Amino acid sequence: MLLGWEHVIVVSTSIGDEARPLLEDPDVARHVADAVNEALINAVKHSAAREATVDISASGSLIQVTVTSPGHLPAVMRSGLGTHELGARITQVDGDVVFRAAIDVDSLAKRHPIA
């Protein structure tokens, strides 16, 4: 998921033990990868970041993707199409831009049932 970013931004990643089994589902993994990619695009584009921290955790059927990068959001920041589709929020926390997306694994299973 992160190999394409190695020449653009330095990424440190943390994946919680509770999230690992959920990521074995290809549909879940794709949604998480989409969220991480959108976050890294925003980090480079809006905060000119050259480093980011990706944290993937889970509680029950909810996977939380948090990507933190140093920088500042523009004074007027509107959610782009990618963030809106992911249900993600981008906020300023002190000197960091923080992207958060929650992915409900149960909801994905209902939308894409296994036949």
Foldseek 3Di string as FASTA:
>chain_A
DCPVCPVQAAEAEAEDPQCVVVCVPVVSVVLLVLQVVVVVVCCCPFFVFRYKYWYWYDDVQKIKIKIKTFGDGPPDDDDDPSCVVQVWDWDDDPRIIMIIGIDGNVVVCVVPPDD
